[in-house]
Protein backbone atom coordinates (compact mmCIF):
# COMPACT_ATOMS: atom_id res chain seq x y z
CA UNK A 1 0.00 0.00 0.00
CA UNK A 2 3.06 2.29 0.13
CA UNK A 3 5.73 3.33 -2.31
CA UNK A 4 8.49 2.87 0.17
CA UNK A 5 10.07 -0.33 1.39
CA UNK A 6 12.17 -0.87 4.45
CA UNK A 7 13.87 -3.55 6.43
CA UNK A 8 13.38 -3.93 10.15
CA UNK A 9 15.97 -5.92 12.02
CA UNK A 10 14.57 -7.20 15.28
CA UNK A 11 17.22 -9.06 17.21
CA UNK A 12 16.92 -12.64 15.95
CA UNK A 13 14.07 -12.50 13.50
CA UNK A 14 12.68 -10.75 10.46
CA UNK A 15 9.35 -8.98 10.26
CA UNK A 16 7.34 -8.71 7.11
CA UNK A 17 4.43 -6.35 6.69
CA UNK A 18 1.85 -7.42 4.17
CA UNK A 19 -1.47 -5.62 4.19
CA UNK A 20 -1.34 -4.98 7.86
CA UNK A 21 -0.33 -8.48 8.87
CA UNK A 22 2.80 -9.35 10.79
CA UNK A 23 4.74 -12.50 10.04
CA UNK A 24 7.90 -13.79 11.67
CA UNK A 25 10.40 -16.22 10.22
CA UNK A 26 12.79 -18.41 12.14
CA UNK A 27 11.82 -16.96 15.46
CA UNK A 28 9.12 -16.43 18.05
CA UNK A 29 9.22 -12.64 18.35
CA UNK A 30 5.53 -11.80 18.04
CA UNK A 31 3.58 -8.97 19.57
CA UNK A 32 1.25 -10.00 22.37
CA UNK A 33 -1.83 -9.17 20.33
CA UNK A 34 -0.39 -11.03 17.34
CA UNK A 35 -0.90 -8.00 15.12
CA UNK A 36 1.33 -5.58 13.23
CA UNK A 37 0.30 -1.98 13.54
CA UNK A 38 0.95 0.54 10.76
CA UNK A 39 1.16 4.21 11.67
CA UNK A 40 3.14 7.39 11.13
CA UNK A 41 5.92 6.60 13.58
CA UNK A 42 9.14 4.72 13.50
CA UNK A 43 9.10 0.97 13.72
ModelCIF file with pLDDT and N, C-alpha, C, O atoms, coordinates in Angstrom:
data_MODEL
#
_entry.id   MODEL 
#
_entity.id                         1 
_entity.type                       polymer 
_entity.pdbx_number_of_molecules   1 
#
_entity_poly.entity_id                      1 
_entity_poly.type                           'polypeptide(L)' 
_entity_poly.nstd_linkage                   no 
_entity_poly.nstd_monomer                   no 
_entity_poly.pdbx_seq_one_letter_code       
;(UNK)(UNK)(UNK)(UNK)(UNK)(UNK)(UNK)(UNK)(UNK)(UNK)(UNK)(UNK)(UNK)(UNK)(UNK)(UNK)
(UNK)(UNK)(UNK)(UNK)(UNK)(UNK)(UNK)(UNK)(UNK)(UNK)(UNK)(UNK)(UNK)(UNK)(UNK)(UNK)
(UNK)(UNK)(UNK)(UNK)(UNK)(UNK)(UNK)(UNK)(UNK)(UNK)(UNK)
;
_entity_poly.pdbx_seq_one_letter_code_can   XXXXXXXXXXXXXXXXXXXXXXXXXXXXXXXXXXXXXXXXXXX 
_entity_poly.pdbx_strand_id                 A 
#
loop_
_entity_poly_seq.entity_id 
_entity_poly_seq.num 
_entity_poly_seq.mon_id 
_entity_poly_seq.hetero 
1 1  UNK n 
1 2  UNK n 
1 3  UNK n 
1 4  UNK n 
1 5  UNK n 
1 6  UNK n 
1 7  UNK n 
1 8  UNK n 
1 9  UNK n 
1 10 UNK n 
1 11 UNK n 
1 12 UNK n 
1 13 UNK n 
1 14 UNK n 
1 15 UNK n 
1 16 UNK n 
1 17 UNK n 
1 18 UNK n 
1 19 UNK n 
1 20 UNK n 
1 21 UNK n 
1 22 UNK n 
1 23 UNK n 
1 24 UNK n 
1 25 UNK n 
1 26 UNK n 
1 27 UNK n 
1 28 UNK n 
1 29 UNK n 
1 30 UNK n 
1 31 UNK n 
1 32 UNK n 
1 33 UNK n 
1 34 UNK n 
1 35 UNK n 
1 36 UNK n 
1 37 UNK n 
1 38 UNK n 
1 39 UNK n 
1 40 UNK n 
1 41 UNK n 
1 42 UNK n 
1 43 UNK n 
#
_struct_asym.id          A 
_struct_asym.entity_id   1 
#
loop_
_ma_qa_metric.id 
_ma_qa_metric.mode 
_ma_qa_metric.name 
_ma_qa_metric.software_group_id 
_ma_qa_metric.type 
1 global pLDDT . pLDDT 
2 local  pLDDT . pLDDT 
#
_ma_qa_metric_global.metric_id      1 
_ma_qa_metric_global.metric_value   41.44 
_ma_qa_metric_global.model_id       1 
_ma_qa_metric_global.ordinal_id     1 
#
loop_
_ma_qa_metric_local.label_asym_id 
_ma_qa_metric_local.label_comp_id 
_ma_qa_metric_local.label_seq_id 
_ma_qa_metric_local.metric_id 
_ma_qa_metric_local.metric_value 
_ma_qa_metric_local.model_id 
_ma_qa_metric_local.ordinal_id 
A UNK 1  2 41.00 1 1  
A UNK 2  2 38.00 1 2  
A UNK 3  2 37.00 1 3  
A UNK 4  2 36.00 1 4  
A UNK 5  2 37.00 1 5  
A UNK 6  2 36.00 1 6  
A UNK 7  2 38.00 1 7  
A UNK 8  2 40.00 1 8  
A UNK 9  2 37.00 1 9  
A UNK 10 2 39.00 1 10 
A UNK 11 2 40.00 1 11 
A UNK 12 2 40.00 1 12 
A UNK 13 2 43.00 1 13 
A UNK 14 2 46.00 1 14 
A UNK 15 2 48.00 1 15 
A UNK 16 2 46.00 1 16 
A UNK 17 2 44.00 1 17 
A UNK 18 2 45.00 1 18 
A UNK 19 2 43.00 1 19 
A UNK 20 2 45.00 1 20 
A UNK 21 2 46.00 1 21 
A UNK 22 2 47.00 1 22 
A UNK 23 2 46.00 1 23 
A UNK 24 2 44.00 1 24 
A UNK 25 2 42.00 1 25 
A UNK 26 2 40.00 1 26 
A UNK 27 2 41.00 1 27 
A UNK 28 2 42.00 1 28 
A UNK 29 2 43.00 1 29 
A UNK 30 2 42.00 1 30 
A UNK 31 2 42.00 1 31 
A UNK 32 2 41.00 1 32 
A UNK 33 2 41.00 1 33 
A UNK 34 2 40.00 1 34 
A UNK 35 2 43.00 1 35 
A UNK 36 2 43.00 1 36 
A UNK 37 2 41.00 1 37 
A UNK 38 2 38.00 1 38 
A UNK 39 2 40.00 1 39 
A UNK 40 2 38.00 1 40 
A UNK 41 2 39.00 1 41 
A UNK 42 2 41.00 1 42 
A UNK 43 2 43.00 1 43 
#
loop_
_atom_site.group_PDB 
_atom_site.id 
_atom_site.type_symbol 
_atom_site.label_atom_id 
_atom_site.label_alt_id 
_atom_site.label_comp_id 
_atom_site.label_asym_id 
_atom_site.label_entity_id 
_atom_site.label_seq_id 
_atom_site.pdbx_PDB_ins_code 
_atom_site.Cartn_x 
_atom_site.Cartn_y 
_atom_site.Cartn_z 
_atom_site.occupancy 
_atom_site.B_iso_or_equiv 
_atom_site.pdbx_formal_charge 
_atom_site.auth_seq_id 
_atom_site.auth_comp_id 
_atom_site.auth_asym_id 
_atom_site.auth_atom_id 
_atom_site.pdbx_PDB_model_num 
ATOM 1   N N  . UNK A 1 1  ? 0.822  -1.204  0.000  1.00 41.00 ? 1  UNK A N  1 
ATOM 2   C CA . UNK A 1 1  ? 0.000  0.000   0.000  1.00 41.00 ? 1  UNK A CA 1 
ATOM 3   C C  . UNK A 1 1  ? 0.867  1.269   0.000  1.00 41.00 ? 1  UNK A C  1 
ATOM 4   O O  . UNK A 1 1  ? 0.332  2.373   -0.098 1.00 41.00 ? 1  UNK A O  1 
ATOM 5   N N  . UNK A 1 2  ? 2.171  1.130   0.106  1.00 38.00 ? 2  UNK A N  1 
ATOM 6   C CA . UNK A 1 2  ? 3.055  2.294   0.130  1.00 38.00 ? 2  UNK A CA 1 
ATOM 7   C C  . UNK A 1 2  ? 4.085  2.183   -0.978 1.00 38.00 ? 2  UNK A C  1 
ATOM 8   O O  . UNK A 1 2  ? 4.309  1.112   -1.542 1.00 38.00 ? 2  UNK A O  1 
ATOM 9   N N  . UNK A 1 3  ? 4.703  3.313   -1.276 1.00 37.00 ? 3  UNK A N  1 
ATOM 10  C CA . UNK A 1 3  ? 5.729  3.330   -2.307 1.00 37.00 ? 3  UNK A CA 1 
ATOM 11  C C  . UNK A 1 3  ? 7.126  3.145   -1.748 1.00 37.00 ? 3  UNK A C  1 
ATOM 12  O O  . UNK A 1 3  ? 8.112  3.170   -2.485 1.00 37.00 ? 3  UNK A O  1 
ATOM 13  N N  . UNK A 1 4  ? 7.199  2.961   -0.464 1.00 36.00 ? 4  UNK A N  1 
ATOM 14  C CA . UNK A 1 4  ? 8.492  2.875   0.174  1.00 36.00 ? 4  UNK A CA 1 
ATOM 15  C C  . UNK A 1 4  ? 8.632  1.513   0.815  1.00 36.00 ? 4  UNK A C  1 
ATOM 16  O O  . UNK A 1 4  ? 7.665  0.984   1.363  1.00 36.00 ? 4  UNK A O  1 
ATOM 17  N N  . UNK A 1 5  ? 9.793  0.952   0.757  1.00 37.00 ? 5  UNK A N  1 
ATOM 18  C CA . UNK A 1 5  ? 10.074 -0.326  1.390  1.00 37.00 ? 5  UNK A CA 1 
ATOM 19  C C  . UNK A 1 5  ? 11.168 -0.139  2.404  1.00 37.00 ? 5  UNK A C  1 
ATOM 20  O O  . UNK A 1 5  ? 12.007 0.752   2.272  1.00 37.00 ? 5  UNK A O  1 
ATOM 21  N N  . UNK A 1 6  ? 11.159 -0.975  3.413  1.00 36.00 ? 6  UNK A N  1 
ATOM 22  C CA . UNK A 1 6  ? 12.170 -0.874  4.453  1.00 36.00 ? 6  UNK A CA 1 
ATOM 23  C C  . UNK A 1 6  ? 12.396 -2.236  5.050  1.00 36.00 ? 6  UNK A C  1 
ATOM 24  O O  . UNK A 1 6  ? 11.605 -3.168  4.899  1.00 36.00 ? 6  UNK A O  1 
ATOM 25  N N  . UNK A 1 7  ? 13.530 -2.305  5.746  1.00 38.00 ? 7  UNK A N  1 
ATOM 26  C CA . UNK A 1 7  ? 13.869 -3.552  6.426  1.00 38.00 ? 7  UNK A CA 1 
ATOM 27  C C  . UNK A 1 7  ? 13.963 -3.259  7.907  1.00 38.00 ? 7  UNK A C  1 
ATOM 28  O O  . UNK A 1 7  ? 14.619 -2.301  8.315  1.00 38.00 ? 7  UNK A O  1 
ATOM 29  N N  . UNK A 1 8  ? 13.317 -4.069  8.703  1.00 40.00 ? 8  UNK A N  1 
ATOM 30  C CA . UNK A 1 8  ? 13.380 -3.929  10.149 1.00 40.00 ? 8  UNK A CA 1 
ATOM 31  C C  . UNK A 1 8  ? 14.133 -5.109  10.694 1.00 40.00 ? 8  UNK A C  1 
ATOM 32  O O  . UNK A 1 8  ? 13.734 -6.253  10.476 1.00 40.00 ? 8  UNK A O  1 
ATOM 33  N N  . UNK A 1 9  ? 15.210 -4.858  11.397 1.00 37.00 ? 9  UNK A N  1 
ATOM 34  C CA . UNK A 1 9  ? 15.974 -5.917  12.020 1.00 37.00 ? 9  UNK A CA 1 
ATOM 35  C C  . UNK A 1 9  ? 15.587 -5.967  13.482 1.00 37.00 ? 9  UNK A C  1 
ATOM 36  O O  . UNK A 1 9  ? 15.808 -5.007  14.221 1.00 37.00 ? 9  UNK A O  1 
ATOM 37  N N  . UNK A 1 10 ? 15.021 -7.060  13.897 1.00 39.00 ? 10 UNK A N  1 
ATOM 38  C CA . UNK A 1 10 ? 14.568 -7.200  15.277 1.00 39.00 ? 10 UNK A CA 1 
ATOM 39  C C  . UNK A 1 10 ? 15.309 -8.353  15.897 1.00 39.00 ? 10 UNK A C  1 
ATOM 40  O O  . UNK A 1 10 ? 14.880 -9.501  15.776 1.00 39.00 ? 10 UNK A O  1 
ATOM 41  N N  . UNK A 1 11 ? 16.389 -8.081  16.543 1.00 40.00 ? 11 UNK A N  1 
ATOM 42  C CA . UNK A 1 11 ? 17.218 -9.058  17.210 1.00 40.00 ? 11 UNK A CA 1 
ATOM 43  C C  . UNK A 1 11 ? 17.423 -10.302 16.359 1.00 40.00 ? 11 UNK A C  1 
ATOM 44  O O  . UNK A 1 11 ? 18.295 -10.316 15.490 1.00 40.00 ? 11 UNK A O  1 
ATOM 45  N N  . UNK A 1 12 ? 16.620 -11.368 16.598 1.00 40.00 ? 12 UNK A N  1 
ATOM 46  C CA . UNK A 1 12 ? 16.924 -12.640 15.953 1.00 40.00 ? 12 UNK A CA 1 
ATOM 47  C C  . UNK A 1 12 ? 15.880 -13.037 14.924 1.00 40.00 ? 12 UNK A C  1 
ATOM 48  O O  . UNK A 1 12 ? 15.770 -14.217 14.591 1.00 40.00 ? 12 UNK A O  1 
ATOM 49  N N  . UNK A 1 13 ? 15.127 -12.106 14.424 1.00 43.00 ? 13 UNK A N  1 
ATOM 50  C CA . UNK A 1 13 ? 14.067 -12.498 13.498 1.00 43.00 ? 13 UNK A CA 1 
ATOM 51  C C  . UNK A 1 13 ? 13.805 -11.396 12.483 1.00 43.00 ? 13 UNK A C  1 
ATOM 52  O O  . UNK A 1 13 ? 14.273 -10.269 12.644 1.00 43.00 ? 13 UNK A O  1 
ATOM 53  N N  . UNK A 1 14 ? 13.079 -11.716 11.469 1.00 46.00 ? 14 UNK A N  1 
ATOM 54  C CA . UNK A 1 14 ? 12.677 -10.747 10.462 1.00 46.00 ? 14 UNK A CA 1 
ATOM 55  C C  . UNK A 1 14 ? 11.195 -10.506 10.559 1.00 46.00 ? 14 UNK A C  1 
ATOM 56  O O  . UNK A 1 14 ? 10.438 -11.400 10.936 1.00 46.00 ? 14 UNK A O  1 
ATOM 57  N N  . UNK A 1 15 ? 10.772 -9.302  10.220 1.00 48.00 ? 15 UNK A N  1 
ATOM 58  C CA . UNK A 1 15 ? 9.349  -8.976  10.264 1.00 48.00 ? 15 UNK A CA 1 
ATOM 59  C C  . UNK A 1 15 ? 8.915  -8.519  8.887  1.00 48.00 ? 15 UNK A C  1 
ATOM 60  O O  . UNK A 1 15 ? 9.520  -7.615  8.310  1.00 48.00 ? 15 UNK A O  1 
ATOM 61  N N  . UNK A 1 16 ? 7.906  -9.116  8.374  1.00 46.00 ? 16 UNK A N  1 
ATOM 62  C CA . UNK A 1 16 ? 7.342  -8.706  7.107  1.00 46.00 ? 16 UNK A CA 1 
ATOM 63  C C  . UNK A 1 16 ? 6.023  -8.002  7.360  1.00 46.00 ? 16 UNK A C  1 
ATOM 64  O O  . UNK A 1 16 ? 5.279  -8.392  8.260  1.00 46.00 ? 16 UNK A O  1 
ATOM 65  N N  . UNK A 1 17 ? 5.734  -7.019  6.616  1.00 44.00 ? 17 UNK A N  1 
ATOM 66  C CA . UNK A 1 17 ? 4.431  -6.355  6.692  1.00 44.00 ? 17 UNK A CA 1 
ATOM 67  C C  . UNK A 1 17 ? 3.733  -6.521  5.359  1.00 44.00 ? 17 UNK A C  1 
ATOM 68  O O  . UNK A 1 17 ? 4.191  -6.014  4.335  1.00 44.00 ? 17 UNK A O  1 
ATOM 69  N N  . UNK A 1 18 ? 2.632  -7.230  5.380  1.00 45.00 ? 18 UNK A N  1 
ATOM 70  C CA . UNK A 1 18 ? 1.853  -7.421  4.170  1.00 45.00 ? 18 UNK A CA 1 
ATOM 71  C C  . UNK A 1 18 ? 0.395  -7.116  4.482  1.00 45.00 ? 18 UNK A C  1 
ATOM 72  O O  . UNK A 1 18 ? -0.273 -7.891  5.167  1.00 45.00 ? 18 UNK A O  1 
ATOM 73  N N  . UNK A 1 19 ? -0.086 -6.017  3.994  1.00 43.00 ? 19 UNK A N  1 
ATOM 74  C CA . UNK A 1 19 ? -1.470 -5.625  4.185  1.00 43.00 ? 19 UNK A CA 1 
ATOM 75  C C  . UNK A 1 19 ? -1.864 -5.621  5.649  1.00 43.00 ? 19 UNK A C  1 
ATOM 76  O O  . UNK A 1 19 ? -2.946 -6.080  6.016  1.00 43.00 ? 19 UNK A O  1 
ATOM 77  N N  . UNK A 1 20 ? -1.012 -5.119  6.447  1.00 45.00 ? 20 UNK A N  1 
ATOM 78  C CA . UNK A 1 20 ? -1.337 -4.982  7.858  1.00 45.00 ? 20 UNK A CA 1 
ATOM 79  C C  . UNK A 1 20 ? -1.088 -6.211  8.683  1.00 45.00 ? 20 UNK A C  1 
ATOM 80  O O  . UNK A 1 20 ? -1.358 -6.195  9.884  1.00 45.00 ? 20 UNK A O  1 
ATOM 81  N N  . UNK A 1 21 ? -0.585 -7.278  8.099  1.00 46.00 ? 21 UNK A N  1 
ATOM 82  C CA . UNK A 1 21 ? -0.327 -8.484  8.868  1.00 46.00 ? 21 UNK A CA 1 
ATOM 83  C C  . UNK A 1 21 ? 1.131  -8.611  9.222  1.00 46.00 ? 21 UNK A C  1 
ATOM 84  O O  . UNK A 1 21 ? 1.993  -8.152  8.473  1.00 46.00 ? 21 UNK A O  1 
ATOM 85  N N  . UNK A 1 22 ? 1.419  -9.219  10.338 1.00 47.00 ? 22 UNK A N  1 
ATOM 86  C CA . UNK A 1 22 ? 2.799  -9.349  10.795 1.00 47.00 ? 22 UNK A CA 1 
ATOM 87  C C  . UNK A 1 22 ? 3.186  -10.807 10.784 1.00 47.00 ? 22 UNK A C  1 
ATOM 88  O O  . UNK A 1 22 ? 2.509  -11.635 11.393 1.00 47.00 ? 22 UNK A O  1 
ATOM 89  N N  . UNK A 1 23 ? 4.270  -11.133 10.098 1.00 46.00 ? 23 UNK A N  1 
ATOM 90  C CA . UNK A 1 23 ? 4.740  -12.498 10.045 1.00 46.00 ? 23 UNK A CA 1 
ATOM 91  C C  . UNK A 1 23 ? 6.163  -12.547 10.566 1.00 46.00 ? 23 UNK A C  1 
ATOM 92  O O  . UNK A 1 23 ? 6.912  -11.583 10.409 1.00 46.00 ? 23 UNK A O  1 
ATOM 93  N N  . UNK A 1 24 ? 6.539  -13.625 11.167 1.00 44.00 ? 24 UNK A N  1 
ATOM 94  C CA . UNK A 1 24 ? 7.904  -13.792 11.669 1.00 44.00 ? 24 UNK A CA 1 
ATOM 95  C C  . UNK A 1 24 ? 8.478  -15.074 11.096 1.00 44.00 ? 24 UNK A C  1 
ATOM 96  O O  . UNK A 1 24 ? 7.780  -16.083 10.991 1.00 44.00 ? 24 UNK A O  1 
ATOM 97  N N  . UNK A 1 25 ? 9.731  -15.035 10.731 1.00 42.00 ? 25 UNK A N  1 
ATOM 98  C CA . UNK A 1 25 ? 10.398 -16.221 10.220 1.00 42.00 ? 25 UNK A CA 1 
ATOM 99  C C  . UNK A 1 25 ? 11.540 -16.587 11.149 1.00 42.00 ? 25 UNK A C  1 
ATOM 100 O O  . UNK A 1 25 ? 12.259 -15.728 11.660 1.00 42.00 ? 25 UNK A O  1 
ATOM 101 N N  . UNK A 1 26 ? 11.684 -17.889 11.353 1.00 40.00 ? 26 UNK A N  1 
ATOM 102 C CA . UNK A 1 26 ? 12.786 -18.409 12.139 1.00 40.00 ? 26 UNK A CA 1 
ATOM 103 C C  . UNK A 1 26 ? 12.892 -17.716 13.494 1.00 40.00 ? 26 UNK A C  1 
ATOM 104 O O  . UNK A 1 26 ? 13.980 -17.331 13.924 1.00 40.00 ? 26 UNK A O  1 
ATOM 105 N N  . UNK A 1 27 ? 11.781 -17.567 14.143 1.00 41.00 ? 27 UNK A N  1 
ATOM 106 C CA . UNK A 1 27 ? 11.821 -16.960 15.459 1.00 41.00 ? 27 UNK A CA 1 
ATOM 107 C C  . UNK A 1 27 ? 10.451 -16.947 16.100 1.00 41.00 ? 27 UNK A C  1 
ATOM 108 O O  . UNK A 1 27 ? 9.471  -17.368 15.487 1.00 41.00 ? 27 UNK A O  1 
ATOM 109 N N  . UNK A 1 28 ? 10.377 -16.477 17.308 1.00 42.00 ? 28 UNK A N  1 
ATOM 110 C CA . UNK A 1 28 ? 9.123  -16.429 18.050 1.00 42.00 ? 28 UNK A CA 1 
ATOM 111 C C  . UNK A 1 28 ? 8.892  -15.039 18.607 1.00 42.00 ? 28 UNK A C  1 
ATOM 112 O O  . UNK A 1 28 ? 8.308  -14.888 19.680 1.00 42.00 ? 28 UNK A O  1 
ATOM 113 N N  . UNK A 1 29 ? 9.353  -14.008 17.879 1.00 43.00 ? 29 UNK A N  1 
ATOM 114 C CA . UNK A 1 29 ? 9.219  -12.635 18.349 1.00 43.00 ? 29 UNK A CA 1 
ATOM 115 C C  . UNK A 1 29 ? 7.944  -12.054 17.783 1.00 43.00 ? 29 UNK A C  1 
ATOM 116 O O  . UNK A 1 29 ? 7.959  -11.402 16.739 1.00 43.00 ? 29 UNK A O  1 
ATOM 117 N N  . UNK A 1 30 ? 6.838  -12.288 18.472 1.00 42.00 ? 30 UNK A N  1 
ATOM 118 C CA . UNK A 1 30 ? 5.533  -11.797 18.041 1.00 42.00 ? 30 UNK A CA 1 
ATOM 119 C C  . UNK A 1 30 ? 5.009  -10.820 19.076 1.00 42.00 ? 30 UNK A C  1 
ATOM 120 O O  . UNK A 1 30 ? 5.300  -10.942 20.266 1.00 42.00 ? 30 UNK A O  1 
ATOM 121 N N  . UNK A 1 31 ? 4.245  -9.864  18.621 1.00 42.00 ? 31 UNK A N  1 
ATOM 122 C CA . UNK A 1 31 ? 3.582  -8.969  19.567 1.00 42.00 ? 31 UNK A CA 1 
ATOM 123 C C  . UNK A 1 31 ? 2.521  -9.745  20.319 1.00 42.00 ? 31 UNK A C  1 
ATOM 124 O O  . UNK A 1 31 ? 1.991  -10.739 19.823 1.00 42.00 ? 31 UNK A O  1 
ATOM 125 N N  . UNK A 1 32 ? 2.209  -9.270  21.549 1.00 41.00 ? 32 UNK A N  1 
ATOM 126 C CA . UNK A 1 32 ? 1.246  -9.997  22.367 1.00 41.00 ? 32 UNK A CA 1 
ATOM 127 C C  . UNK A 1 32 ? -0.108 -10.111 21.710 1.00 41.00 ? 32 UNK A C  1 
ATOM 128 O O  . UNK A 1 32 ? -0.775 -11.131 21.879 1.00 41.00 ? 32 UNK A O  1 
ATOM 129 N N  . UNK A 1 33 ? -0.534 -9.137  20.989 1.00 41.00 ? 33 UNK A N  1 
ATOM 130 C CA . UNK A 1 33 ? -1.830 -9.168  20.325 1.00 41.00 ? 33 UNK A CA 1 
ATOM 131 C C  . UNK A 1 33 ? -1.774 -9.851  18.981 1.00 41.00 ? 33 UNK A C  1 
ATOM 132 O O  . UNK A 1 33 ? -2.794 -9.972  18.303 1.00 41.00 ? 33 UNK A O  1 
ATOM 133 N N  . UNK A 1 34 ? -0.600 -10.298 18.586 1.00 40.00 ? 34 UNK A N  1 
ATOM 134 C CA . UNK A 1 34 ? -0.395 -11.030 17.336 1.00 40.00 ? 34 UNK A CA 1 
ATOM 135 C C  . UNK A 1 34 ? -0.752 -10.183 16.120 1.00 40.00 ? 34 UNK A C  1 
ATOM 136 O O  . UNK A 1 34 ? -1.164 -10.713 15.089 1.00 40.00 ? 34 UNK A O  1 
ATOM 137 N N  . UNK A 1 35 ? -0.593 -8.868  16.244 1.00 43.00 ? 35 UNK A N  1 
ATOM 138 C CA . UNK A 1 35 ? -0.896 -7.998  15.123 1.00 43.00 ? 35 UNK A CA 1 
ATOM 139 C C  . UNK A 1 35 ? 0.296  -7.077  14.820 1.00 43.00 ? 35 UNK A C  1 
ATOM 140 O O  . UNK A 1 35 ? 1.160  -6.850  15.666 1.00 43.00 ? 35 UNK A O  1 
ATOM 141 N N  . UNK A 1 36 ? 0.312  -6.566  13.613 1.00 43.00 ? 36 UNK A N  1 
ATOM 142 C CA . UNK A 1 36 ? 1.329  -5.581  13.229 1.00 43.00 ? 36 UNK A CA 1 
ATOM 143 C C  . UNK A 1 36 ? 0.614  -4.274  12.950 1.00 43.00 ? 36 UNK A C  1 
ATOM 144 O O  . UNK A 1 36 ? -0.242 -4.201  12.068 1.00 43.00 ? 36 UNK A O  1 
ATOM 145 N N  . UNK A 1 37 ? 0.955  -3.277  13.678 1.00 41.00 ? 37 UNK A N  1 
ATOM 146 C CA . UNK A 1 37 ? 0.305  -1.981  13.544 1.00 41.00 ? 37 UNK A CA 1 
ATOM 147 C C  . UNK A 1 37 ? 1.070  -1.096  12.567 1.00 41.00 ? 37 UNK A C  1 
ATOM 148 O O  . UNK A 1 37 ? 2.301  -1.073  12.590 1.00 41.00 ? 37 UNK A O  1 
ATOM 149 N N  . UNK A 1 38 ? 0.376  -0.387  11.731 1.00 38.00 ? 38 UNK A N  1 
ATOM 150 C CA . UNK A 1 38 ? 0.955  0.539   10.761 1.00 38.00 ? 38 UNK A CA 1 
ATOM 151 C C  . UNK A 1 38 ? 0.545  1.956   11.125 1.00 38.00 ? 38 UNK A C  1 
ATOM 152 O O  . UNK A 1 38 ? -0.647 2.240   11.243 1.00 38.00 ? 38 UNK A O  1 
ATOM 153 N N  . UNK A 1 39 ? 1.495  2.834   11.302 1.00 40.00 ? 39 UNK A N  1 
ATOM 154 C CA . UNK A 1 39 ? 1.165  4.207   11.669 1.00 40.00 ? 39 UNK A CA 1 
ATOM 155 C C  . UNK A 1 39 ? 2.183  5.182   11.084 1.00 40.00 ? 39 UNK A C  1 
ATOM 156 O O  . UNK A 1 39 ? 2.896  4.853   10.136 1.00 40.00 ? 39 UNK A O  1 
ATOM 157 N N  . UNK A 1 40 ? 2.244  6.347   11.641 1.00 38.00 ? 40 UNK A N  1 
ATOM 158 C CA . UNK A 1 40 ? 3.141  7.387   11.133 1.00 38.00 ? 40 UNK A CA 1 
ATOM 159 C C  . UNK A 1 40 ? 4.367  7.565   12.023 1.00 38.00 ? 40 UNK A C  1 
ATOM 160 O O  . UNK A 1 40 ? 4.937  8.655   12.083 1.00 38.00 ? 40 UNK A O  1 
ATOM 161 N N  . UNK A 1 41 ? 4.768  6.524   12.699 1.00 39.00 ? 41 UNK A N  1 
ATOM 162 C CA . UNK A 1 41 ? 5.922  6.596   13.576 1.00 39.00 ? 41 UNK A CA 1 
ATOM 163 C C  . UNK A 1 41 ? 6.969  5.599   13.121 1.00 39.00 ? 41 UNK A C  1 
ATOM 164 O O  . UNK A 1 41 ? 6.764  4.806   12.203 1.00 39.00 ? 41 UNK A O  1 
ATOM 165 N N  . UNK A 1 42 ? 8.092  5.676   13.798 1.00 41.00 ? 42 UNK A N  1 
ATOM 166 C CA . UNK A 1 42 ? 9.139  4.719   13.500 1.00 41.00 ? 42 UNK A CA 1 
ATOM 167 C C  . UNK A 1 42 ? 8.697  3.312   13.907 1.00 41.00 ? 42 UNK A C  1 
ATOM 168 O O  . UNK A 1 42 ? 7.772  3.126   14.697 1.00 41.00 ? 42 UNK A O  1 
ATOM 169 N N  . UNK A 1 43 ? 9.379  2.357   13.349 1.00 43.00 ? 43 UNK A N  1 
ATOM 170 C CA . UNK A 1 43 ? 9.097  0.971   13.719 1.00 43.00 ? 43 UNK A CA 1 
ATOM 171 C C  . UNK A 1 43 ? 9.689  0.729   15.092 1.00 43.00 ? 43 UNK A C  1 
ATOM 172 O O  . UNK A 1 43 ? 9.581  -0.376  15.625 1.00 43.00 ? 43 UNK A O  1 
#
